[in-house]
Amino acid sequence: MDDSQDKVRRNLVVASSLVLLAQILNIEIKEDASIGIFAIRNVTDDMFWVLACAVLFYLFQRYWFDDATAMQSKRLTDDFKNWMLKQIRWIVQRHAKEAVIRKGPYGCISKIFLDNVLFDGVVEVSVSIPVTEFAVSRIGTCNVNVSIHSQTADRNTVAIRSVVVEYRLGLIDSLFVICLPLTRLAVFSKGYVDFVLPLMLWFSAFICCIARVYVVLRQ
């Protein structure tokens, strides 16, 4: 993080924290106030919160459109996508094993093609899926590597086959795919605190400003 972005980030955090503090402590806005040798007249609630919105918006756009912030955003987006892909892979792999054993759809597996898979004397089935097979989508197709441990009258054999499956994630599985990466992000995994914390503070403060302006205008 360069010095310029560090200053903008610090200003954004300070301004957002002050707005949140004013909201939490329910600070009263007086019409007449003074700052040092300067006197401020006719200050109203709506004026204060509108100015706060403007300041927060200005600081946010300075921070968000910084080159260093753009690089952090892209890195976070790529990591978040990879976290989602791992969850999709885990769900499909878990359901594909049952689909192979049952020789038909199971769970999120809507269709399975078993033309080249032998099942004589099957004792155990394990599956693995390359990560590169996936895109972030509720519906898709992928190849599953099936390892079949078979037991016949004279010997034990292990056969590895490639099976094509079609998957369709349900509502619960889709929430699972999204919520775990969000949980991972919420605890600032992989050192994203310098990027995420200012945005969380800004968003909370900006929503407070909008709400206060709305309340004042409704009075």
C-alpha atoms as a PDB file:
ATOM      1  CA  MET A   1       0.000   0.000   0.000  1.00  0.00           C
ATOM      2  CA  ASP A   2       1.584   3.329  -1.053  1.00  0.00           C
ATOM      3  CA  ASP A   3       1.695   6.476   1.043  1.00  0.00           C
ATOM      4  CA  SER A   4      -1.049   8.224  -0.957  1.00  0.00           C
ATOM      5  CA  GLN A   5      -3.516   5.382  -0.506  1.00  0.00           C
ATOM      6  CA  ASP A   6      -2.571   5.089   3.156  1.00  0.00           C
ATOM      7  CA  LYS A   7      -3.500   8.742   3.748  1.00  0.00           C
ATOM      8  CA  VAL A   8      -6.799   8.452   1.869  1.00  0.00           C
ATOM      9  CA  ARG A   9      -7.644   5.257   3.727  1.00  0.00           C
ATOM     10  CA  ARG A  10      -6.869   6.905   7.071  1.00  0.00           C
ATOM     11  CA  ASN A  11      -9.058   9.905   6.239  1.00  0.00           C
ATOM     12  CA  LEU A  12     -11.901   7.605   5.203  1.00  0.00           C
ATOM     13  CA  VAL A  13     -11.640   5.603   8.431  1.00  0.00           C
ATOM     14  CA  VAL A  14     -11.501   8.726  10.620  1.00  0.00           C
ATOM     15  CA  ALA A  15     -14.437  10.445   8.899  1.00  0.00           C
ATOM     16  CA  SER A  16     -16.568   7.287   8.952  1.00  0.00           C
ATOM     17  CA  SER A  17     -15.744   6.655  12.609  1.00  0.00           C
ATOM     18  CA  LEU A  18     -16.705  10.225  13.564  1.00  0.00           C
ATOM     19  CA  VAL A  19     -20.042   9.935  11.768  1.00  0.00           C
ATOM     20  CA  LEU A  20     -20.774   6.605  13.457  1.00  0.00           C
ATOM     21  CA  LEU A  21     -19.777   8.081  16.811  1.00  0.00           C
ATOM     22  CA  ALA A  22     -22.138  11.020  16.272  1.00  0.00           C
ATOM     23  CA  GLN A  23     -24.923   8.564  15.471  1.00  0.00           C
ATOM     24  CA  ILE A  24     -24.247   6.262  18.427  1.00  0.00           C
ATOM     25  CA  LEU A  25     -23.925   9.097  20.970  1.00  0.00           C
ATOM     26  CA  ASN A  26     -26.859  10.936  19.387  1.00  0.00           C
ATOM     27  CA  ILE A  27     -24.888  14.174  19.314  1.00  0.00           C
ATOM     28  CA  GLU A  28     -27.112  17.234  19.196  1.00  0.00           C
ATOM     29  CA  ILE A  29     -26.448  19.716  16.406  1.00  0.00           C
ATOM     30  CA  LYS A  30     -26.626  23.303  17.667  1.00  0.00           C
ATOM     31  CA  GLU A  31     -27.572  26.104  15.342  1.00  0.00           C
ATOM     32  CA  ASP A  32     -24.730  28.293  16.605  1.00  0.00           C
ATOM     33  CA  ALA A  33     -21.276  26.859  17.210  1.00  0.00           C
ATOM     34  CA  SER A  34     -17.659  27.935  17.146  1.00  0.00           C
ATOM     35  CA  ILE A  35     -14.427  26.255  16.089  1.00  0.00           C
ATOM     36  CA  GLY A  36     -11.472  28.185  17.426  1.00  0.00           C
ATOM     37  CA  ILE A  37     -11.770  31.752  16.185  1.00  0.00           C
ATOM     38  CA  PHE A  38     -14.490  30.849  13.693  1.00  0.00           C
ATOM     39  CA  ALA A  39     -18.201  31.147  14.440  1.00  0.00           C
ATOM     40  CA  ILE A  40     -20.727  28.948  12.645  1.00  0.00           C
ATOM     41  CA  ARG A  41     -24.312  30.178  12.411  1.00  0.00           C
ATOM     42  CA  ASN A  42     -27.593  28.561  11.440  1.00  0.00           C
ATOM     43  CA  VAL A  43     -26.323  24.983  11.425  1.00  0.00           C
ATOM     44  CA  THR A  44     -29.217  22.504  11.101  1.00  0.00           C
ATOM     45  CA  ASP A  45     -29.446  18.747  11.332  1.00  0.00           C
ATOM     46  CA  ASP A  46     -30.189  18.307   7.660  1.00  0.00           C
ATOM     47  CA  MET A  47     -27.285  20.580   6.689  1.00  0.00           C
ATOM     48  CA  PHE A  48     -24.862  18.627   8.915  1.00  0.00           C
ATOM     49  CA  TRP A  49     -25.849  15.201   7.637  1.00  0.00           C
ATOM     50  CA  VAL A  50     -25.945  16.302   3.992  1.00  0.00           C
ATOM     51  CA  LEU A  51     -22.423  17.693   4.366  1.00  0.00           C
ATOM     52  CA  ALA A  52     -21.376  14.464   6.077  1.00  0.00           C
ATOM     53  CA  CYS A  53     -22.745  12.494   3.120  1.00  0.00           C
ATOM     54  CA  ALA A  54     -20.845  14.693   0.687  1.00  0.00           C
ATOM     55  CA  VAL A  55     -17.572  14.324   2.612  1.00  0.00           C
ATOM     56  CA  LEU A  56     -17.942  10.554   2.885  1.00  0.00           C
ATOM     57  CA  PHE A  57     -18.759  10.254  -0.812  1.00  0.00           C
ATOM     58  CA  TYR A  58     -15.733  12.337  -1.765  1.00  0.00           C
ATOM     59  CA  LEU A  59     -13.368  10.312   0.430  1.00  0.00           C
ATOM     60  CA  PHE A  60     -14.834   7.051  -0.849  1.00  0.00           C
ATOM     61  CA  GLN A  61     -14.314   7.877  -4.495  1.00  0.00           C
ATOM     62  CA  ARG A  62     -10.735   8.980  -3.735  1.00  0.00           C
ATOM     63  CA  TYR A  63     -10.109   5.650  -2.028  1.00  0.00           C
ATOM     64  CA  TRP A  64     -12.005   3.363  -4.414  1.00  0.00           C
ATOM     65  CA  PHE A  65     -10.478   4.723  -7.638  1.00  0.00           C
ATOM     66  CA  ASP A  66      -6.916   4.582  -6.360  1.00  0.00           C
ATOM     67  CA  ASP A  67      -4.697   2.204  -8.376  1.00  0.00           C
ATOM     68  CA  ALA A  68      -3.551   0.328  -5.270  1.00  0.00           C
ATOM     69  CA  THR A  69      -7.169  -0.163  -4.177  1.00  0.00           C
ATOM     70  CA  ALA A  70      -8.068  -1.491  -7.627  1.00  0.00           C
ATOM     71  CA  MET A  71      -5.289  -4.086  -7.336  1.00  0.00           C
ATOM     72  CA  GLN A  72      -6.506  -5.129  -3.875  1.00  0.00           C
ATOM     73  CA  SER A  73     -10.082  -5.354  -5.145  1.00  0.00           C
ATOM     74  CA  LYS A  74      -9.058  -7.596  -8.058  1.00  0.00           C
ATOM     75  CA  ARG A  75      -7.023  -9.862  -5.776  1.00  0.00           C
ATOM     76  CA  LEU A  76      -9.917 -10.164  -3.336  1.00  0.00           C
ATOM     77  CA  THR A  77     -12.373 -10.866  -6.171  1.00  0.00           C
ATOM     78  CA  ASP A  78     -10.134 -13.620  -7.552  1.00  0.00           C
ATOM     79  CA  ASP A  79      -9.685 -15.206  -4.125  1.00  0.00           C
ATOM     80  CA  PHE A  80     -13.414 -14.993  -3.390  1.00  0.00           C
ATOM     81  CA  LYS A  81     -14.149 -16.712  -6.712  1.00  0.00           C
ATOM     82  CA  ASN A  82     -11.653 -19.473  -5.889  1.00  0.00           C
ATOM     83  CA  TRP A  83     -13.262 -19.961  -2.458  1.00  0.00           C
ATOM     84  CA  MET A  84     -16.662 -20.348  -4.143  1.00  0.00           C
ATOM     85  CA  LEU A  85     -15.244 -22.802  -6.686  1.00  0.00           C
ATOM     86  CA  LYS A  86     -13.843 -24.950  -3.894  1.00  0.00           C
ATOM     87  CA  GLN A  87     -17.256 -25.077  -2.217  1.00  0.00           C
ATOM     88  CA  ILE A  88     -18.985 -26.025  -5.490  1.00  0.00           C
ATOM     89  CA  ARG A  89     -16.350 -28.695  -6.126  1.00  0.00           C
ATOM     90  CA  TRP A  90     -16.801 -30.131  -2.633  1.00  0.00           C
ATOM     91  CA  ILE A  91     -20.618 -30.310  -2.957  1.00  0.00           C
ATOM     92  CA  VAL A  92     -20.559 -31.871  -6.431  1.00  0.00           C
ATOM     93  CA  GLN A  93     -17.867 -34.340  -5.446  1.00  0.00           C
ATOM     94  CA  ARG A  94     -19.802 -35.426  -2.347  1.00  0.00           C
ATOM     95  CA  HIS A  95     -23.045 -35.931  -4.279  1.00  0.00           C
ATOM     96  CA  ALA A  96     -21.310 -37.515  -7.290  1.00  0.00           C
ATOM     97  CA  LYS A  97     -20.107 -40.414  -5.173  1.00  0.00           C
ATOM     98  CA  GLU A  98     -23.682 -41.311  -4.219  1.00  0.00           C
ATOM     99  CA  ALA A  99     -24.828 -40.766  -7.816  1.00  0.00           C
ATOM    100  CA  VAL A 100     -22.228 -43.246  -9.075  1.00  0.00           C
ATOM    101  CA  ILE A 101     -23.208 -45.826  -6.457  1.00  0.00           C
ATOM    102  CA  ARG A 102     -26.933 -45.366  -7.156  1.00  0.00           C
ATOM    103  CA  LYS A 103     -26.320 -45.199 -10.933  1.00  0.00           C
ATOM    104  CA  GLY A 104     -28.586 -42.174 -11.225  1.00  0.00           C
ATOM    105  CA  PRO A 105     -29.312 -38.612 -10.077  1.00  0.00           C
ATOM    106  CA  TYR A 106     -28.640 -37.741  -6.468  1.00  0.00           C
ATOM    107  CA  GLY A 107     -28.579 -34.432  -4.593  1.00  0.00           C
ATOM    108  CA  CYS A 108     -27.298 -31.730  -6.909  1.00  0.00           C
ATOM    109  CA  ILE A 109     -26.386 -34.286  -9.608  1.00  0.00           C
ATOM    110  CA  SER A 110     -29.217 -33.994 -12.128  1.00  0.00           C
ATOM    111  CA  LYS A 111     -27.735 -36.392 -14.714  1.00  0.00           C
ATOM    112  CA  ILE A 112     -24.867 -38.868 -14.792  1.00  0.00           C
ATOM    113  CA  PHE A 113     -23.389 -40.755 -17.764  1.00  0.00           C
ATOM    114  CA  LEU A 114     -22.090 -44.204 -16.793  1.00  0.00           C
ATOM    115  CA  ASP A 115     -21.625 -45.871 -20.197  1.00  0.00           C
ATOM    116  CA  ASN A 116     -17.931 -46.630 -19.677  1.00  0.00           C
ATOM    117  CA  VAL A 117     -18.062 -47.619 -16.010  1.00  0.00           C
ATOM    118  CA  LEU A 118     -18.094 -51.268 -14.875  1.00  0.00           C
ATOM    119  CA  PHE A 119     -19.900 -52.148 -11.640  1.00  0.00           C
ATOM    120  CA  ASP A 120     -19.341 -55.911 -11.294  1.00  0.00           C
ATOM    121  CA  GLY A 121     -18.655 -56.683  -7.658  1.00  0.00           C
ATOM    122  CA  VAL A 122     -18.233 -53.057  -6.584  1.00  0.00           C
ATOM    123  CA  VAL A 123     -16.931 -52.753  -3.049  1.00  0.00           C
ATOM    124  CA  GLU A 124     -15.980 -49.078  -2.798  1.00  0.00           C
ATOM    125  CA  VAL A 125     -16.261 -45.974  -4.967  1.00  0.00           C
ATOM    126  CA  SER A 126     -14.298 -42.737  -4.571  1.00  0.00           C
ATOM    127  CA  VAL A 127     -14.454 -39.663  -6.798  1.00  0.00           C
ATOM    128  CA  SER A 128     -12.239 -36.658  -7.459  1.00  0.00           C
ATOM    129  CA  ILE A 129     -12.858 -33.546  -9.548  1.00  0.00           C
ATOM    130  CA  PRO A 130     -10.212 -31.221 -10.996  1.00  0.00           C
ATOM    131  CA  VAL A 131     -10.745 -27.626  -9.821  1.00  0.00           C
ATOM    132  CA  THR A 132     -10.291 -26.361 -13.377  1.00  0.00           C
ATOM    133  CA  GLU A 133     -13.543 -28.043 -14.391  1.00  0.00           C
ATOM    134  CA  PHE A 134     -15.716 -25.410 -12.715  1.00  0.00           C
ATOM    135  CA  ALA A 135     -17.173 -22.000 -13.295  1.00  0.00           C
ATOM    136  CA  VAL A 136     -19.102 -20.054 -10.672  1.00  0.00           C
ATOM    137  CA  SER A 137     -22.574 -21.179 -11.688  1.00  0.00           C
ATOM    138  CA  ARG A 138     -25.526 -22.960 -10.103  1.00  0.00           C
ATOM    139  CA  ILE A 139     -25.859 -25.175 -13.198  1.00  0.00           C
ATOM    140  CA  GLY A 140     -22.989 -26.842 -15.008  1.00  0.00           C
ATOM    141  CA  THR A 141     -21.263 -29.952 -16.335  1.00  0.00           C
ATOM    142  CA  CYS A 142     -18.001 -31.487 -15.181  1.00  0.00           C
ATOM    143  CA  ASN A 143     -15.890 -34.628 -15.439  1.00  0.00           C
ATOM    144  CA  VAL A 144     -15.612 -36.835 -12.371  1.00  0.00           C
ATOM    145  CA  ASN A 145     -12.720 -39.243 -11.962  1.00  0.00           C
ATOM    146  CA  VAL A 146     -14.184 -42.412 -10.459  1.00  0.00           C
ATOM    147  CA  SER A 147     -11.966 -44.932  -8.699  1.00  0.00           C
ATOM    148  CA  ILE A 148     -13.794 -48.277  -8.456  1.00  0.00           C
ATOM    149  CA  HIS A 149     -12.518 -50.989  -6.134  1.00  0.00           C
ATOM    150  CA  SER A 150     -14.015 -54.236  -7.426  1.00  0.00           C
ATOM    151  CA  GLN A 151     -13.841 -57.698  -5.980  1.00  0.00           C
ATOM    152  CA  THR A 152     -14.363 -60.715  -8.232  1.00  0.00           C
ATOM    153  CA  ALA A 153     -14.026 -64.410  -7.555  1.00  0.00           C
ATOM    154  CA  ASP A 154     -10.290 -64.562  -8.214  1.00  0.00           C
ATOM    155  CA  ARG A 155      -8.876 -61.063  -7.564  1.00  0.00           C
ATOM    156  CA  ASN A 156      -9.367 -57.492  -6.417  1.00  0.00           C
ATOM    157  CA  THR A 157      -9.120 -54.791  -9.080  1.00  0.00           C
ATOM    158  CA  VAL A 158      -9.015 -51.015  -9.112  1.00  0.00           C
ATOM    159  CA  ALA A 159     -10.385 -49.212 -12.164  1.00  0.00           C
ATOM    160  CA  ILE A 160     -10.349 -45.488 -12.808  1.00  0.00           C
ATOM    161  CA  ARG A 161     -12.953 -44.065 -15.159  1.00  0.00           C
ATOM    162  CA  SER A 162     -13.966 -40.573 -16.221  1.00  0.00           C
ATOM    163  CA  VAL A 163     -17.666 -39.885 -15.770  1.00  0.00           C
ATOM    164  CA  VAL A 164     -19.571 -36.829 -17.024  1.00  0.00           C
ATOM    165  CA  VAL A 165     -22.134 -35.373 -14.639  1.00  0.00           C
ATOM    166  CA  GLU A 166     -24.550 -32.490 -14.842  1.00  0.00           C
ATOM    167  CA  TYR A 167     -25.171 -30.648 -11.596  1.00  0.00           C
ATOM    168  CA  ARG A 168     -27.792 -28.170 -10.466  1.00  0.00           C
ATOM    169  CA  LEU A 169     -27.244 -26.530  -7.077  1.00  0.00           C
ATOM    170  CA  GLY A 170     -30.351 -26.074  -4.960  1.00  0.00           C
ATOM    171  CA  LEU A 171     -31.135 -23.124  -2.711  1.00  0.00           C
ATOM    172  CA  ILE A 172     -29.401 -24.557   0.369  1.00  0.00           C
ATOM    173  CA  ASP A 173     -26.291 -25.535  -1.588  1.00  0.00           C
ATOM    174  CA  SER A 174     -26.166 -22.101  -3.246  1.00  0.00           C
ATOM    175  CA  LEU A 175     -26.364 -20.359   0.137  1.00  0.00           C
ATOM    176  CA  PHE A 176     -23.628 -22.659   1.396  1.00  0.00           C
ATOM    177  CA  VAL A 177     -21.421 -21.739  -1.578  1.00  0.00           C
ATOM    178  CA  ILE A 178     -21.852 -18.014  -0.862  1.00  0.00           C
ATOM    179  CA  CYS A 179     -21.963 -17.914   2.943  1.00  0.00           C
ATOM    180  CA  LEU A 180     -18.732 -19.771   3.689  1.00  0.00           C
ATOM    181  CA  PRO A 181     -16.579 -17.437   1.554  1.00  0.00           C
ATOM    182  CA  LEU A 182     -18.389 -14.458   3.119  1.00  0.00           C
ATOM    183  CA  THR A 183     -17.642 -15.856   6.576  1.00  0.00           C
ATOM    184  CA  ARG A 184     -14.037 -16.294   5.593  1.00  0.00           C
ATOM    185  CA  LEU A 185     -13.948 -12.705   4.390  1.00  0.00           C
ATOM    186  CA  ALA A 186     -15.691 -11.416   7.537  1.00  0.00           C
ATOM    187  CA  VAL A 187     -12.861 -12.675   9.732  1.00  0.00           C
ATOM    188  CA  PHE A 188     -10.347 -10.903   7.476  1.00  0.00           C
ATOM    189  CA  SER A 189      -8.777 -14.061   6.143  1.00  0.00           C
ATOM    190  CA  LYS A 190      -5.496 -13.708   4.246  1.00  0.00           C
ATOM    191  CA  GLY A 191      -4.805 -10.163   5.467  1.00  0.00           C
ATOM    192  CA  TYR A 192      -7.620  -8.183   3.848  1.00  0.00           C
ATOM    193  CA  VAL A 193      -8.320  -6.057   6.915  1.00  0.00           C
ATOM    194  CA  ASP A 194      -6.694  -2.926   5.411  1.00  0.00           C
ATOM    195  CA  PHE A 195      -8.999  -3.190   2.419  1.00  0.00           C
ATOM    196  CA  VAL A 196     -12.244  -4.461   3.936  1.00  0.00           C
ATOM    197  CA  LEU A 197     -12.411  -2.510   7.222  1.00  0.00           C
ATOM    198  CA  PRO A 198     -12.475   0.992   5.642  1.00  0.00           C
ATOM    199  CA  LEU A 199     -15.237  -0.122   3.266  1.00  0.00           C
ATOM    200  CA  MET A 200     -17.298  -1.603   6.089  1.00  0.00           C
ATOM    201  CA  LEU A 201     -16.943   1.559   8.187  1.00  0.00           C
ATOM    202  CA  TRP A 202     -17.737   3.779   5.207  1.00  0.00           C
ATOM    203  CA  PHE A 203     -20.817   1.776   4.241  1.00  0.00           C
ATOM    204  CA  SER A 204     -22.179   1.865   7.807  1.00  0.00           C
ATOM    205  CA  ALA A 205     -21.522   5.595   8.157  1.00  0.00           C
ATOM    206  CA  PHE A 206     -22.989   6.422   4.746  1.00  0.00           C
ATOM    207  CA  ILE A 207     -26.185   4.472   5.507  1.00  0.00           C
ATOM    208  CA  CYS A 208     -26.466   6.349   8.821  1.00  0.00           C
ATOM    209  CA  CYS A 209     -26.157   9.682   7.006  1.00  0.00           C
ATOM    210  CA  ILE A 210     -28.804   8.756   4.446  1.00  0.00           C
ATOM    211  CA  ALA A 211     -31.146   7.578   7.208  1.00  0.00           C
ATOM    212  CA  ARG A 212     -30.654  10.748   9.270  1.00  0.00           C
ATOM    213  CA  VAL A 213     -31.286  12.974   6.255  1.00  0.00           C
ATOM    214  CA  TYR A 214     -34.436  11.008   5.470  1.00  0.00           C
ATOM    215  CA  VAL A 215     -35.685  11.347   9.071  1.00  0.00           C
ATOM    216  CA  VAL A 216     -34.987  15.082   9.164  1.00  0.00           C
ATOM    217  CA  LEU A 217     -36.710  15.707   5.841  1.00  0.00           C
ATOM    218  CA  ARG A 218     -39.768  13.717   6.967  1.00  0.00           C
ATOM    219  CA  GLN A 219     -40.208  15.927  10.059  1.00  0.00           C
END
